[in-house]
């Protein structure tokens, strides 16, 4: 099998660069172009040089492990150990995932490749490899954004106990800094219409009405007063009285959109 070094170097430079970039982004570190370029060059050089070193297979795996650890260390610049560790773990996970994807694609398209010294040497079209890598990168970015968005929401969830007359409900509330609603100088929380009926039952009594502004325009909404609201559990729980609620769109793993001002009050 004939391998053109310049093509192999360029292909691995692009693949390593994409993997390192994704690792740095997933580790939520600043992308430094010069460090990224240097790490990509080192990764491409390792891909060319390592298979030429006459070592046993077990030694080749150790060499590849050390070489892989070097790349995120070069790409990341941090004052603590954690960013390096996170970037390295993500880099290896993405490398294994991309390797598995390429192996599956090679098998599907009947692309021939040889195994030598712990390395796979193939004759896959460059377009196929880079196209697969692009698809993989887009999928990783989408998944990472969804994961961090989910993590941010979970961090801002708080257990709430609301009391209205003889009715008590236990909901999860989302602390939303974008909720700046106020009624009579006090913060207003947002719940769904179904939640209002679950809390007050047939004893619905408006405390007033307010105008709610959103990207969809302005709407006149009813305001209700909840006698008591307990935020959190245990010793750190906070008890609020006469908390205002209004009706709005609430969806997700929570039933209540809290005002951050309510948490600070």
Foldseek 3Di string as FASTA:
>chain_A
DDDDLVVQLVLQLVLQLLLLVLLCVLLVADFDVVLSNVLSNLRSVCVVVLLVDPDALVVSVVVVLVNLLVSNVSGGDDDDDVSSVSSSVSSVVLVVVLVVVVVVVCVVVVWDWDDGSNDIGTDDDSCVSVVSSVVSSVVSVVVSVVVVVVVVQVVQKWWKWFADPPFIDIWIEGADQPQPDDDPRHGEKEFAPVVQCNHQPPNDDFPAWDWDQDPVGIDIWTKDWTAWMWIHDDPPIDIDGRHIYIYDDDDDRTGMYGYVVVVVD
